[in-house]
């Protein structure tokens, strides 16, 4: 958008997305400590799946549902 000098509306139309999607801010905060712990658990216990990681996180006192424990498999660092 900046390289070609297009305005936001034109660039979004060319990309096929709504300008609202482009301007949208994520609602949930990025919990870097949790992500780091998930990466460490995954490195230590390679064979554990997201369900087992969820149990381990609950034992350590983290408040996260099973989807949060699954995000290491499909990280959302793309935001």
Foldseek 3Di string as FASTA:
>chain_A
DVVVPDDLCVVCVVVVHDSCVVPDDDDDDDDVVLLVVLVVVCVVCVPDALVVQVVVCVVVPDDDDSVSSHCNVVPPPVD
